[in-house]
PDB file of N, CA and C in Angstrom:
ATOM      1  N   UNK A   1      15.559 -79.153 -51.352  1.00  0.00           N
ATOM      2  CA  UNK A   1      14.594 -79.366 -50.280  1.00  0.00           C
ATOM      3  C   UNK A   1      13.271 -78.711 -50.654  1.00  0.00           C
ATOM      4  N   UNK A   2      12.222 -79.400 -50.335  1.00  0.00           N
ATOM      5  CA  UNK A   2      10.900 -78.824 -50.566  1.00  0.00           C
ATOM      6  C   UNK A   2      10.595 -77.836 -49.443  1.00  0.00           C
ATOM      7  N   UNK A   3       9.548 -77.067 -49.631  1.00  0.00           N
ATOM      8  CA  UNK A   3       9.141 -76.106 -48.603  1.00  0.00           C
ATOM      9  C   UNK A   3       8.772 -76.818 -47.307  1.00  0.00           C
ATOM     10  N   UNK A   4       8.107 -77.953 -47.419  1.00  0.00           N
ATOM     11  CA  UNK A   4       7.732 -78.721 -46.224  1.00  0.00           C
ATOM     12  C   UNK A   4       8.971 -79.185 -45.470  1.00  0.00           C
ATOM     13  N   UNK A   5       9.961 -79.691 -46.187  1.00  0.00           N
ATOM     14  CA  UNK A   5      11.193 -80.134 -45.543  1.00  0.00           C
ATOM     15  C   UNK A   5      11.921 -78.966 -44.879  1.00  0.00           C
ATOM     16  N   UNK A   6      11.914 -77.815 -45.520  1.00  0.00           N
ATOM     17  CA  UNK A   6      12.546 -76.632 -44.940  1.00  0.00           C
ATOM     18  C   UNK A   6      11.852 -76.223 -43.648  1.00  0.00           C
ATOM     19  N   UNK A   7      10.520 -76.227 -43.651  1.00  0.00           N
ATOM     20  CA  UNK A   7       9.768 -75.864 -42.447  1.00  0.00           C
ATOM     21  C   UNK A   7      10.006 -76.866 -41.322  1.00  0.00           C
ATOM     22  N   UNK A   8      10.062 -78.150 -41.652  1.00  0.00           N
ATOM     23  CA  UNK A   8      10.339 -79.170 -40.631  1.00  0.00           C
ATOM     24  C   UNK A   8      11.742 -78.968 -40.059  1.00  0.00           C
ATOM     25  N   UNK A   9      12.710 -78.691 -40.925  1.00  0.00           N
ATOM     26  CA  UNK A   9      14.082 -78.461 -40.471  1.00  0.00           C
ATOM     27  C   UNK A   9      14.156 -77.247 -39.552  1.00  0.00           C
ATOM     28  N   UNK A  10      13.517 -76.163 -39.937  1.00  0.00           N
ATOM     29  CA  UNK A  10      13.505 -74.954 -39.107  1.00  0.00           C
ATOM     30  C   UNK A  10      12.846 -75.244 -37.767  1.00  0.00           C
ATOM     31  N   UNK A  11      11.733 -75.982 -37.780  1.00  0.00           N
ATOM     32  CA  UNK A  11      11.052 -76.335 -36.533  1.00  0.00           C
ATOM     33  C   UNK A  11      11.929 -77.161 -35.610  1.00  0.00           C
ATOM     34  N   UNK A  12      12.656 -78.127 -36.160  1.00  0.00           N
ATOM     35  CA  UNK A  12      13.546 -78.960 -35.342  1.00  0.00           C
ATOM     36  C   UNK A  12      14.677 -78.126 -34.754  1.00  0.00           C
ATOM     37  N   UNK A  13      15.238 -77.226 -35.556  1.00  0.00           N
ATOM     38  CA  UNK A  13      16.314 -76.362 -35.060  1.00  0.00           C
ATOM     39  C   UNK A  13      15.799 -75.454 -33.947  1.00  0.00           C
ATOM     40  N   UNK A  14      14.605 -74.893 -34.123  1.00  0.00           N
ATOM     41  CA  UNK A  14      14.010 -74.034 -33.089  1.00  0.00           C
ATOM     42  C   UNK A  14      13.785 -74.823 -31.806  1.00  0.00           C
ATOM     43  N   UNK A  15      13.232 -76.025 -31.914  1.00  0.00           N
ATOM     44  CA  UNK A  15      12.998 -76.851 -30.722  1.00  0.00           C
ATOM     45  C   UNK A  15      14.311 -77.222 -30.034  1.00  0.00           C
ATOM     46  N   UNK A  16      15.319 -77.559 -30.817  1.00  0.00           N
ATOM     47  CA  UNK A  16      16.622 -77.885 -30.238  1.00  0.00           C
ATOM     48  C   UNK A  16      17.234 -76.701 -29.514  1.00  0.00           C
ATOM     49  N   UNK A  17      17.136 -75.525 -30.117  1.00  0.00           N
ATOM     50  CA  UNK A  17      17.668 -74.317 -29.485  1.00  0.00           C
ATOM     51  C   UNK A  17      16.917 -74.003 -28.203  1.00  0.00           C
ATOM     52  N   UNK A  18      15.596 -74.087 -28.250  1.00  0.00           N
ATOM     53  CA  UNK A  18      14.798 -73.812 -27.052  1.00  0.00           C
ATOM     54  C   UNK A  18      15.109 -74.816 -25.949  1.00  0.00           C
ATOM     55  N   UNK A  19      15.293 -76.082 -26.308  1.00  0.00           N
ATOM     56  CA  UNK A  19      15.597 -77.107 -25.307  1.00  0.00           C
ATOM     57  C   UNK A  19      16.919 -76.809 -24.609  1.00  0.00           C
ATOM     58  N   UNK A  20      17.938 -76.423 -25.384  1.00  0.00           N
ATOM     59  CA  UNK A  20      19.231 -76.136 -24.752  1.00  0.00           C
ATOM     60  C   UNK A  20      19.187 -74.871 -23.908  1.00  0.00           C
ATOM     61  N   UNK A  21      18.287 -73.960 -24.213  1.00  0.00           N
ATOM     62  CA  UNK A  21      18.182 -72.720 -23.428  1.00  0.00           C
ATOM     63  C   UNK A  21      17.363 -72.914 -22.148  1.00  0.00           C
ATOM     64  N   UNK A  22      16.280 -73.667 -22.231  1.00  0.00           N
ATOM     65  CA  UNK A  22      15.350 -73.770 -21.108  1.00  0.00           C
ATOM     66  C   UNK A  22      15.583 -74.978 -20.214  1.00  0.00           C
ATOM     67  N   UNK A  23      16.196 -76.028 -20.729  1.00  0.00           N
ATOM     68  CA  UNK A  23      16.393 -77.256 -19.962  1.00  0.00           C
ATOM     69  C   UNK A  23      17.149 -77.042 -18.647  1.00  0.00           C
ATOM     70  N   UNK A  24      18.214 -76.248 -18.619  1.00  0.00           N
ATOM     71  CA  UNK A  24      18.907 -76.044 -17.338  1.00  0.00           C
ATOM     72  C   UNK A  24      18.010 -75.457 -16.246  1.00  0.00           C
ATOM     73  N   UNK A  25      17.049 -74.621 -16.624  1.00  0.00           N
ATOM     74  CA  UNK A  25      16.161 -74.033 -15.623  1.00  0.00           C
ATOM     75  C   UNK A  25      15.186 -75.060 -15.062  1.00  0.00           C
ATOM     76  N   UNK A  26      14.870 -76.079 -15.836  1.00  0.00           N
ATOM     77  CA  UNK A  26      14.002 -77.149 -15.339  1.00  0.00           C
ATOM     78  C   UNK A  26      14.785 -78.159 -14.513  1.00  0.00           C
ATOM     79  N   UNK A  27      16.021 -78.422 -14.920  1.00  0.00           N
ATOM     80  CA  UNK A  27      16.848 -79.388 -14.187  1.00  0.00           C
ATOM     81  C   UNK A  27      17.291 -78.818 -12.844  1.00  0.00           C
ATOM     82  N   UNK A  28      17.724 -77.548 -12.844  1.00  0.00           N
ATOM     83  CA  UNK A  28      18.168 -76.902 -11.608  1.00  0.00           C
ATOM     84  C   UNK A  28      17.313 -75.667 -11.351  1.00  0.00           C
ATOM     85  N   UNK A  29      16.131 -75.860 -10.783  1.00  0.00           N
ATOM     86  CA  UNK A  29      15.281 -74.695 -10.502  1.00  0.00           C
ATOM     87  C   UNK A  29      15.938 -73.798  -9.455  1.00  0.00           C
ATOM     88  N   UNK A  30      15.388 -72.612  -9.308  1.00  0.00           N
ATOM     89  CA  UNK A  30      15.938 -71.646  -8.361  1.00  0.00           C
ATOM     90  C   UNK A  30      15.992 -72.254  -6.964  1.00  0.00           C
ATOM     91  N   UNK A  31      17.109 -72.079  -6.316  1.00  0.00           N
ATOM     92  CA  UNK A  31      17.285 -72.631  -4.979  1.00  0.00           C
ATOM     93  C   UNK A  31      18.033 -73.945  -4.974  1.00  0.00           C
ATOM     94  N   UNK A  32      18.142 -74.599  -6.119  1.00  0.00           N
ATOM     95  CA  UNK A  32      18.883 -75.859  -6.209  1.00  0.00           C
ATOM     96  C   UNK A  32      20.156 -75.614  -7.013  1.00  0.00           C
ATOM     97  N   UNK A  33      21.296 -75.909  -6.410  1.00  0.00           N
ATOM     98  CA  UNK A  33      22.578 -75.631  -7.054  1.00  0.00           C
ATOM     99  C   UNK A  33      22.943 -76.737  -8.053  1.00  0.00           C
ATOM    100  N   UNK A  34      23.525 -76.339  -9.182  1.00  0.00           N
ATOM    101  CA  UNK A  34      24.001 -77.351 -10.130  1.00  0.00           C
ATOM    102  C   UNK A  34      25.237 -78.056  -9.569  1.00  0.00           C
ATOM    103  N   UNK A  35      25.558 -79.229 -10.071  1.00  0.00           N
ATOM    104  CA  UNK A  35      26.744 -79.934  -9.599  1.00  0.00           C
ATOM    105  C   UNK A  35      28.020 -79.121  -9.839  1.00  0.00           C
ATOM    106  N   UNK A  36      29.058 -79.430  -9.088  1.00  0.00           N
ATOM    107  CA  UNK A  36      30.325 -78.702  -9.191  1.00  0.00           C
ATOM    108  C   UNK A  36      30.907 -78.788 -10.603  1.00  0.00           C
ATOM    109  N   UNK A  37      30.744 -79.934 -11.254  1.00  0.00           N
ATOM    110  CA  UNK A  37      31.269 -80.096 -12.612  1.00  0.00           C
ATOM    111  C   UNK A  37      30.617 -79.113 -13.579  1.00  0.00           C
ATOM    112  N   UNK A  38      29.318 -78.941 -13.469  1.00  0.00           N
ATOM    113  CA  UNK A  38      28.603 -78.021 -14.358  1.00  0.00           C
ATOM    114  C   UNK A  38      29.049 -76.586 -14.097  1.00  0.00           C
ATOM    115  N   UNK A  39      29.207 -76.227 -12.836  1.00  0.00           N
ATOM    116  CA  UNK A  39      29.666 -74.883 -12.486  1.00  0.00           C
ATOM    117  C   UNK A  39      31.084 -74.649 -13.005  1.00  0.00           C
ATOM    118  N   UNK A  40      31.943 -75.654 -12.849  1.00  0.00           N
ATOM    119  CA  UNK A  40      33.333 -75.531 -13.321  1.00  0.00           C
ATOM    120  C   UNK A  40      33.379 -75.397 -14.846  1.00  0.00           C
ATOM    121  N   UNK A  41      32.596 -76.214 -15.544  1.00  0.00           N
ATOM    122  CA  UNK A  41      32.559 -76.114 -17.002  1.00  0.00           C
ATOM    123  C   UNK A  41      32.047 -74.747 -17.457  1.00  0.00           C
ATOM    124  N   UNK A  42      31.089 -74.203 -16.729  1.00  0.00           N
ATOM    125  CA  UNK A  42      30.572 -72.879 -17.054  1.00  0.00           C
ATOM    126  C   UNK A  42      31.632 -71.802 -16.939  1.00  0.00           C
ATOM    127  N   UNK A  43      32.605 -72.011 -16.062  1.00  0.00           N
ATOM    128  CA  UNK A  43      33.695 -71.052 -15.923  1.00  0.00           C
ATOM    129  C   UNK A  43      34.816 -71.265 -16.929  1.00  0.00           C
ATOM    130  N   UNK A  44      35.021 -72.512 -17.353  1.00  0.00           N
ATOM    131  CA  UNK A  44      36.142 -72.830 -18.238  1.00  0.00           C
ATOM    132  C   UNK A  44      35.815 -72.739 -19.726  1.00  0.00           C
ATOM    133  N   UNK A  45      34.594 -73.063 -20.100  1.00  0.00           N
ATOM    134  CA  UNK A  45      34.264 -73.165 -21.521  1.00  0.00           C
ATOM    135  C   UNK A  45      34.386 -71.858 -22.317  1.00  0.00           C
ATOM    136  N   UNK A  46      34.023 -70.689 -21.768  1.00  0.00           N
ATOM    137  CA  UNK A  46      34.181 -69.477 -22.586  1.00  0.00           C
ATOM    138  C   UNK A  46      35.624 -69.245 -23.039  1.00  0.00           C
ATOM    139  N   UNK A  47      36.586 -69.424 -22.147  1.00  0.00           N
ATOM    140  CA  UNK A  47      37.992 -69.246 -22.532  1.00  0.00           C
ATOM    141  C   UNK A  47      38.428 -70.323 -23.520  1.00  0.00           C
ATOM    142  N   UNK A  48      37.951 -71.544 -23.325  1.00  0.00           N
ATOM    143  CA  UNK A  48      38.300 -72.633 -24.242  1.00  0.00           C
ATOM    144  C   UNK A  48      37.748 -72.370 -25.639  1.00  0.00           C
ATOM    145  N   UNK A  49      36.539 -71.858 -25.710  1.00  0.00           N
ATOM    146  CA  UNK A  49      35.936 -71.549 -27.012  1.00  0.00           C
ATOM    147  C   UNK A  49      36.722 -70.435 -27.701  1.00  0.00           C
ATOM    148  N   UNK A  50      37.124 -69.405 -26.961  1.00  0.00           N
ATOM    149  CA  UNK A  50      37.909 -68.323 -27.558  1.00  0.00           C
ATOM    150  C   UNK A  50      39.249 -68.843 -28.063  1.00  0.00           C
ATOM    151  N   UNK A  51      39.897 -69.705 -27.287  1.00  0.00           N
ATOM    152  CA  UNK A  51      41.157 -70.300 -27.731  1.00  0.00           C
ATOM    153  C   UNK A  51      40.979 -71.111 -29.002  1.00  0.00           C
ATOM    154  N   UNK A  52      39.897 -71.865 -29.059  1.00  0.00           N
ATOM    155  CA  UNK A  52      39.600 -72.662 -30.245  1.00  0.00           C
ATOM    156  C   UNK A  52      39.365 -71.765 -31.459  1.00  0.00           C
ATOM    157  N   UNK A  53      38.671 -70.654 -31.266  1.00  0.00           N
ATOM    158  CA  UNK A  53      38.429 -69.725 -32.369  1.00  0.00           C
ATOM    159  C   UNK A  53      39.722 -69.087 -32.865  1.00  0.00           C
ATOM    160  N   UNK A  54      40.639 -68.781 -31.954  1.00  0.00           N
ATOM    161  CA  UNK A  54      41.931 -68.211 -32.355  1.00  0.00           C
ATOM    162  C   UNK A  54      42.700 -69.219 -33.201  1.00  0.00           C
ATOM    163  N   UNK A  55      42.781 -70.455 -32.721  1.00  0.00           N
ATOM    164  CA  UNK A  55      43.487 -71.496 -33.475  1.00  0.00           C
ATOM    165  C   UNK A  55      42.827 -71.706 -34.837  1.00  0.00           C
ATOM    166  N   UNK A  56      41.511 -71.752 -34.866  1.00  0.00           N
ATOM    167  CA  UNK A  56      40.782 -71.961 -36.118  1.00  0.00           C
ATOM    168  C   UNK A  56      41.028 -70.819 -37.104  1.00  0.00           C
ATOM    169  N   UNK A  57      41.034 -69.589 -36.610  1.00  0.00           N
ATOM    170  CA  UNK A  57      41.193 -68.451 -37.515  1.00  0.00           C
ATOM    171  C   UNK A  57      42.627 -68.306 -38.022  1.00  0.00           C
ATOM    172  N   UNK A  58      43.597 -68.837 -37.292  1.00  0.00           N
ATOM    173  CA  UNK A  58      44.998 -68.718 -37.714  1.00  0.00           C
ATOM    174  C   UNK A  58      45.519 -69.974 -38.411  1.00  0.00           C
ATOM    175  N   UNK A  59      44.666 -70.950 -38.655  1.00  0.00           N
ATOM    176  CA  UNK A  59      45.115 -72.245 -39.167  1.00  0.00           C
ATOM    177  C   UNK A  59      45.728 -72.174 -40.563  1.00  0.00           C
ATOM    178  N   UNK A  60      45.348 -71.215 -41.374  1.00  0.00           N
ATOM    179  CA  UNK A  60      45.883 -71.121 -42.736  1.00  0.00           C
ATOM    180  C   UNK A  60      46.903 -69.994 -42.882  1.00  0.00           C
ATOM    181  N   UNK A  61      47.421 -69.491 -41.790  1.00  0.00           N
ATOM    182  CA  UNK A  61      48.402 -68.417 -41.849  1.00  0.00           C
ATOM    183  C   UNK A  61      49.701 -68.950 -42.445  1.00  0.00           C
ATOM    184  N   UNK A  62      50.182 -68.283 -43.466  1.00  0.00           N
ATOM    185  CA  UNK A  62      51.409 -68.688 -44.146  1.00  0.00           C
ATOM    186  C   UNK A  62      52.579 -67.914 -43.547  1.00  0.00           C
ATOM    187  N   UNK A  63      53.401 -68.596 -42.769  1.00  0.00           N
ATOM    188  CA  UNK A  63      54.540 -67.947 -42.123  1.00  0.00           C
ATOM    189  C   UNK A  63      55.763 -67.893 -43.028  1.00  0.00           C
ATOM    190  N   UNK A  64      55.724 -68.589 -44.161  1.00  0.00           N
ATOM    191  CA  UNK A  64      56.889 -68.683 -45.035  1.00  0.00           C
ATOM    192  C   UNK A  64      56.818 -67.669 -46.178  1.00  0.00           C
ATOM    193  N   UNK A  65      55.652 -67.457 -46.743  1.00  0.00           N
ATOM    194  CA  UNK A  65      55.540 -66.579 -47.899  1.00  0.00           C
ATOM    195  C   UNK A  65      54.636 -65.394 -47.630  1.00  0.00           C
ATOM    196  N   UNK A  66      54.549 -64.543 -48.626  1.00  0.00           N
ATOM    197  CA  UNK A  66      53.650 -63.391 -48.523  1.00  0.00           C
ATOM    198  C   UNK A  66      54.062 -62.430 -47.434  1.00  0.00           C
ATOM    199  N   UNK A  67      53.139 -62.123 -46.574  1.00  0.00           N
ATOM    200  CA  UNK A  67      53.417 -61.170 -45.493  1.00  0.00           C
ATOM    201  C   UNK A  67      53.957 -61.856 -44.234  1.00  0.00           C
ATOM    202  N   UNK A  68      54.211 -63.149 -44.299  1.00  0.00           N
ATOM    203  CA  UNK A  68      54.779 -63.936 -43.184  1.00  0.00           C
ATOM    204  C   UNK A  68      53.911 -63.899 -41.932  1.00  0.00           C
ATOM    205  N   UNK A  69      52.617 -63.724 -42.100  1.00  0.00           N
ATOM    206  CA  UNK A  69      51.714 -63.713 -40.957  1.00  0.00           C
ATOM    207  C   UNK A  69      51.715 -62.400 -40.192  1.00  0.00           C
ATOM    208  N   UNK A  70      52.321 -61.367 -40.773  1.00  0.00           N
ATOM    209  CA  UNK A  70      52.414 -60.077 -40.086  1.00  0.00           C
ATOM    210  C   UNK A  70      51.036 -59.467 -39.838  1.00  0.00           C
ATOM    211  N   UNK A  71      50.156 -59.515 -40.836  1.00  0.00           N
ATOM    212  CA  UNK A  71      48.822 -58.938 -40.676  1.00  0.00           C
ATOM    213  C   UNK A  71      48.047 -59.648 -39.570  1.00  0.00           C
ATOM    214  N   UNK A  72      48.130 -60.966 -39.558  1.00  0.00           N
ATOM    215  CA  UNK A  72      47.436 -61.741 -38.532  1.00  0.00           C
ATOM    216  C   UNK A  72      47.995 -61.433 -37.149  1.00  0.00           C
ATOM    217  N   UNK A  73      49.328 -61.330 -37.057  1.00  0.00           N
ATOM    218  CA  UNK A  73      49.963 -61.041 -35.768  1.00  0.00           C
ATOM    219  C   UNK A  73      49.569 -59.656 -35.260  1.00  0.00           C
ATOM    220  N   UNK A  74      49.549 -58.671 -36.151  1.00  0.00           N
ATOM    221  CA  UNK A  74      49.156 -57.318 -35.739  1.00  0.00           C
ATOM    222  C   UNK A  74      47.694 -57.272 -35.300  1.00  0.00           C
ATOM    223  N   UNK A  75      46.825 -57.948 -36.040  1.00  0.00           N
ATOM    224  CA  UNK A  75      45.410 -57.974 -35.672  1.00  0.00           C
ATOM    225  C   UNK A  75      45.213 -58.684 -34.340  1.00  0.00           C
ATOM    226  N   UNK A  76      45.948 -59.766 -34.123  1.00  0.00           N
ATOM    227  CA  UNK A  76      45.876 -60.490 -32.854  1.00  0.00           C
ATOM    228  C   UNK A  76      46.375 -59.618 -31.704  1.00  0.00           C
ATOM    229  N   UNK A  77      47.450 -58.879 -31.931  1.00  0.00           N
ATOM    230  CA  UNK A  77      47.984 -57.972 -30.908  1.00  0.00           C
ATOM    231  C   UNK A  77      46.981 -56.870 -30.576  1.00  0.00           C
ATOM    232  N   UNK A  78      46.368 -56.283 -31.600  1.00  0.00           N
ATOM    233  CA  UNK A  78      45.353 -55.245 -31.365  1.00  0.00           C
ATOM    234  C   UNK A  78      44.187 -55.818 -30.571  1.00  0.00           C
ATOM    235  N   UNK A  79      43.735 -57.003 -30.946  1.00  0.00           N
ATOM    236  CA  UNK A  79      42.626 -57.643 -30.234  1.00  0.00           C
ATOM    237  C   UNK A  79      42.973 -57.846 -28.767  1.00  0.00           C
ATOM    238  N   UNK A  80      44.165 -58.365 -28.494  1.00  0.00           N
ATOM    239  CA  UNK A  80      44.577 -58.625 -27.110  1.00  0.00           C
ATOM    240  C   UNK A  80      44.704 -57.330 -26.314  1.00  0.00           C
ATOM    241  N   UNK A  81      45.326 -56.314 -26.901  1.00  0.00           N
ATOM    242  CA  UNK A  81      45.511 -55.046 -26.179  1.00  0.00           C
ATOM    243  C   UNK A  81      44.180 -54.349 -25.898  1.00  0.00           C
ATOM    244  N   UNK A  82      43.296 -54.342 -26.882  1.00  0.00           N
ATOM    245  CA  UNK A  82      41.979 -53.723 -26.679  1.00  0.00           C
ATOM    246  C   UNK A  82      41.213 -54.479 -25.598  1.00  0.00           C
ATOM    247  N   UNK A  83      41.313 -55.809 -25.618  1.00  0.00           N
ATOM    248  CA  UNK A  83      40.593 -56.581 -24.604  1.00  0.00           C
ATOM    249  C   UNK A  83      41.180 -56.356 -23.212  1.00  0.00           C
ATOM    250  N   UNK A  84      42.497 -56.273 -23.109  1.00  0.00           N
ATOM    251  CA  UNK A  84      43.109 -56.007 -21.804  1.00  0.00           C
ATOM    252  C   UNK A  84      42.718 -54.630 -21.276  1.00  0.00           C
ATOM    253  N   UNK A  85      42.544 -53.678 -22.181  1.00  0.00           N
ATOM    254  CA  UNK A  85      42.203 -52.312 -21.759  1.00  0.00           C
ATOM    255  C   UNK A  85      40.723 -52.176 -21.380  1.00  0.00           C
ATOM    256  N   UNK A  86      39.811 -52.682 -22.241  1.00  0.00           N
ATOM    257  CA  UNK A  86      38.384 -52.430 -22.024  1.00  0.00           C
ATOM    258  C   UNK A  86      37.585 -53.650 -21.571  1.00  0.00           C
ATOM    259  N   UNK A  87      38.133 -54.835 -21.642  1.00  0.00           N
ATOM    260  CA  UNK A  87      37.450 -56.060 -21.191  1.00  0.00           C
ATOM    261  C   UNK A  87      36.068 -56.234 -21.815  1.00  0.00           C
ATOM    262  N   UNK A  88      35.957 -55.909 -23.088  1.00  0.00           N
ATOM    263  CA  UNK A  88      34.701 -56.059 -23.818  1.00  0.00           C
ATOM    264  C   UNK A  88      34.980 -56.910 -25.054  1.00  0.00           C
ATOM    265  N   UNK A  89      34.456 -58.127 -25.055  1.00  0.00           N
ATOM    266  CA  UNK A  89      34.781 -59.076 -26.113  1.00  0.00           C
ATOM    267  C   UNK A  89      34.352 -58.582 -27.491  1.00  0.00           C
ATOM    268  N   UNK A  90      33.176 -57.980 -27.587  1.00  0.00           N
ATOM    269  CA  UNK A  90      32.691 -57.522 -28.891  1.00  0.00           C
ATOM    270  C   UNK A  90      33.572 -56.401 -29.447  1.00  0.00           C
ATOM    271  N   UNK A  91      33.967 -55.461 -28.592  1.00  0.00           N
ATOM    272  CA  UNK A  91      34.838 -54.371 -29.035  1.00  0.00           C
ATOM    273  C   UNK A  91      36.197 -54.929 -29.445  1.00  0.00           C
ATOM    274  N   UNK A  92      36.708 -55.881 -28.683  1.00  0.00           N
ATOM    275  CA  UNK A  92      38.007 -56.482 -28.987  1.00  0.00           C
ATOM    276  C   UNK A  92      37.981 -57.176 -30.342  1.00  0.00           C
ATOM    277  N   UNK A  93      36.968 -57.986 -30.569  1.00  0.00           N
ATOM    278  CA  UNK A  93      36.860 -58.717 -31.833  1.00  0.00           C
ATOM    279  C   UNK A  93      36.674 -57.741 -32.996  1.00  0.00           C
ATOM    280  N   UNK A  94      35.858 -56.718 -32.798  1.00  0.00           N
ATOM    281  CA  UNK A  94      35.625 -55.737 -33.863  1.00  0.00           C
ATOM    282  C   UNK A  94      36.918 -54.995 -34.214  1.00  0.00           C
ATOM    283  N   UNK A  95      37.675 -54.578 -33.214  1.00  0.00           N
ATOM    284  CA  UNK A  95      38.925 -53.854 -33.477  1.00  0.00           C
ATOM    285  C   UNK A  95      39.945 -54.742 -34.182  1.00  0.00           C
ATOM    286  N   UNK A  96      40.062 -55.986 -33.746  1.00  0.00           N
ATOM    287  CA  UNK A  96      40.982 -56.912 -34.402  1.00  0.00           C
ATOM    288  C   UNK A  96      40.584 -57.183 -35.841  1.00  0.00           C
ATOM    289  N   UNK A  97      39.289 -57.364 -36.071  1.00  0.00           N
ATOM    290  CA  UNK A  97      38.800 -57.622 -37.426  1.00  0.00           C
ATOM    291  C   UNK A  97      39.027 -56.411 -38.324  1.00  0.00           C
ATOM    292  N   UNK A  98      38.718 -55.224 -37.816  1.00  0.00           N
ATOM    293  CA  UNK A  98      38.935 -54.007 -38.603  1.00  0.00           C
ATOM    294  C   UNK A  98      40.414 -53.803 -38.909  1.00  0.00           C
ATOM    295  N   UNK A  99      41.276 -54.084 -37.942  1.00  0.00           N
ATOM    296  CA  UNK A  99      42.718 -53.965 -38.169  1.00  0.00           C
ATOM    297  C   UNK A  99      43.164 -54.910 -39.275  1.00  0.00           C
ATOM    298  N   UNK A 100      42.747 -56.162 -39.180  1.00  0.00           N
ATOM    299  CA  UNK A 100      43.142 -57.152 -40.187  1.00  0.00           C
ATOM    300  C   UNK A 100      42.637 -56.755 -41.571  1.00  0.00           C
ATOM    301  N   UNK A 101      41.378 -56.360 -41.657  1.00  0.00           N
ATOM    302  CA  UNK A 101      40.812 -56.001 -42.958  1.00  0.00           C
ATOM    303  C   UNK A 101      41.493 -54.761 -43.531  1.00  0.00           C
ATOM    304  N   UNK A 102      41.826 -53.795 -42.677  1.00  0.00           N
ATOM    305  CA  UNK A 102      42.526 -52.599 -43.153  1.00  0.00           C
ATOM    306  C   UNK A 102      43.895 -52.972 -43.716  1.00  0.00           C
ATOM    307  N   UNK A 103      44.593 -53.873 -43.047  1.00  0.00           N
ATOM    308  CA  UNK A 103      45.909 -54.292 -43.530  1.00  0.00           C
ATOM    309  C   UNK A 103      45.806 -55.091 -44.826  1.00  0.00           C
ATOM    310  N   UNK A 104      44.862 -56.017 -44.880  1.00  0.00           N
ATOM    311  CA  UNK A 104      44.705 -56.868 -46.065  1.00  0.00           C
ATOM    312  C   UNK A 104      44.281 -56.047 -47.281  1.00  0.00           C
ATOM    313  N   UNK A 105      43.412 -55.075 -47.065  1.00  0.00           N
ATOM    314  CA  UNK A 105      42.912 -54.270 -48.181  1.00  0.00           C
ATOM    315  C   UNK A 105      43.892 -53.187 -48.617  1.00  0.00           C
ATOM    316  N   UNK A 106      44.999 -53.031 -47.887  1.00  0.00           N
ATOM    317  CA  UNK A 106      46.006 -52.052 -48.271  1.00  0.00           C
ATOM    318  C   UNK A 106      45.723 -50.648 -47.790  1.00  0.00           C
ATOM    319  N   UNK A 107      44.853 -50.485 -46.819  1.00  0.00           N
ATOM    320  CA  UNK A 107      44.541 -49.149 -46.315  1.00  0.00           C
ATOM    321  C   UNK A 107      45.745 -48.514 -45.645  1.00  0.00           C
ATOM    322  N   UNK A 108      46.563 -49.314 -44.980  1.00  0.00           N
ATOM    323  CA  UNK A 108      47.743 -48.772 -44.305  1.00  0.00           C
ATOM    324  C   UNK A 108      48.700 -48.183 -45.335  1.00  0.00           C
ATOM    325  N   UNK A 109      48.933 -48.896 -46.421  1.00  0.00           N
ATOM    326  CA  UNK A 109      49.804 -48.398 -47.487  1.00  0.00           C
ATOM    327  C   UNK A 109      49.237 -47.114 -48.073  1.00  0.00           C
ATOM    328  N   UNK A 110      47.932 -47.089 -48.259  1.00  0.00           N
ATOM    329  CA  UNK A 110      47.272 -45.901 -48.806  1.00  0.00           C
ATOM    330  C   UNK A 110      47.440 -44.704 -47.874  1.00  0.00           C
ATOM    331  N   UNK A 111      47.227 -44.905 -46.577  1.00  0.00           N
ATOM    332  CA  UNK A 111      47.348 -43.802 -45.622  1.00  0.00           C
ATOM    333  C   UNK A 111      48.784 -43.311 -45.510  1.00  0.00           C
ATOM    334  N   UNK A 112      49.738 -44.227 -45.562  1.00  0.00           N
ATOM    335  CA  UNK A 112      51.150 -43.838 -45.509  1.00  0.00           C
ATOM    336  C   UNK A 112      51.512 -43.013 -46.738  1.00  0.00           C
ATOM    337  N   UNK A 113      51.011 -43.403 -47.903  1.00  0.00           N
ATOM    338  CA  UNK A 113      51.311 -42.640 -49.118  1.00  0.00           C
ATOM    339  C   UNK A 113      50.627 -41.273 -49.087  1.00  0.00           C
ATOM    340  N   UNK A 114      49.432 -41.193 -48.501  1.00  0.00           N
ATOM    341  CA  UNK A 114      48.751 -39.899 -48.368  1.00  0.00           C
ATOM    342  C   UNK A 114      49.518 -38.959 -47.454  1.00  0.00           C
ATOM    343  N   UNK A 115      50.101 -39.522 -46.405  1.00  0.00           N
ATOM    344  CA  UNK A 115      50.846 -38.707 -45.453  1.00  0.00           C
ATOM    345  C   UNK A 115      52.212 -38.307 -46.006  1.00  0.00           C
ATOM    346  N   UNK A 116      52.589 -38.867 -47.135  1.00  0.00           N
ATOM    347  CA  UNK A 116      53.873 -38.528 -47.736  1.00  0.00           C
ATOM    348  C   UNK A 116      55.042 -39.226 -47.075  1.00  0.00           C
ATOM    349  N   UNK A 117      54.755 -40.305 -46.334  1.00  0.00           N
ATOM    350  CA  UNK A 117      55.825 -41.021 -45.646  1.00  0.00           C
ATOM    351  C   UNK A 117      56.392 -42.147 -46.492  1.00  0.00           C
ATOM    352  N   UNK A 118      55.711 -42.505 -47.569  1.00  0.00           N
ATOM    353  CA  UNK A 118      56.149 -43.660 -48.354  1.00  0.00           C
ATOM    354  C   UNK A 118      56.572 -43.300 -49.669  1.00  0.00           C
TER     355      UNK A 118
END
């Protein structure tokens, strides 16, 4: 891509993003309620997106070989428990990701060997 094409692409993306952010305020100004369908979708879509992300992230989990999906299951459990306790999506995702990465990188094995348990 040339520099001109890159700038045009960035401009189109910026305009598209701004349109999706500001358009609802023009369609439903203050004092005018959005339709029931829009309100219902606003309540349902966040959970649907999270479910989709869980399915997407676990799609290549090998339950037959290797660790049999143990690392993924533990990270998912940590994510769920942290979210149930603190109800903060960013903290939940961060804790689950850190748990998974610690298990994959072998930090748990390292810590167990340091403690003299292994």
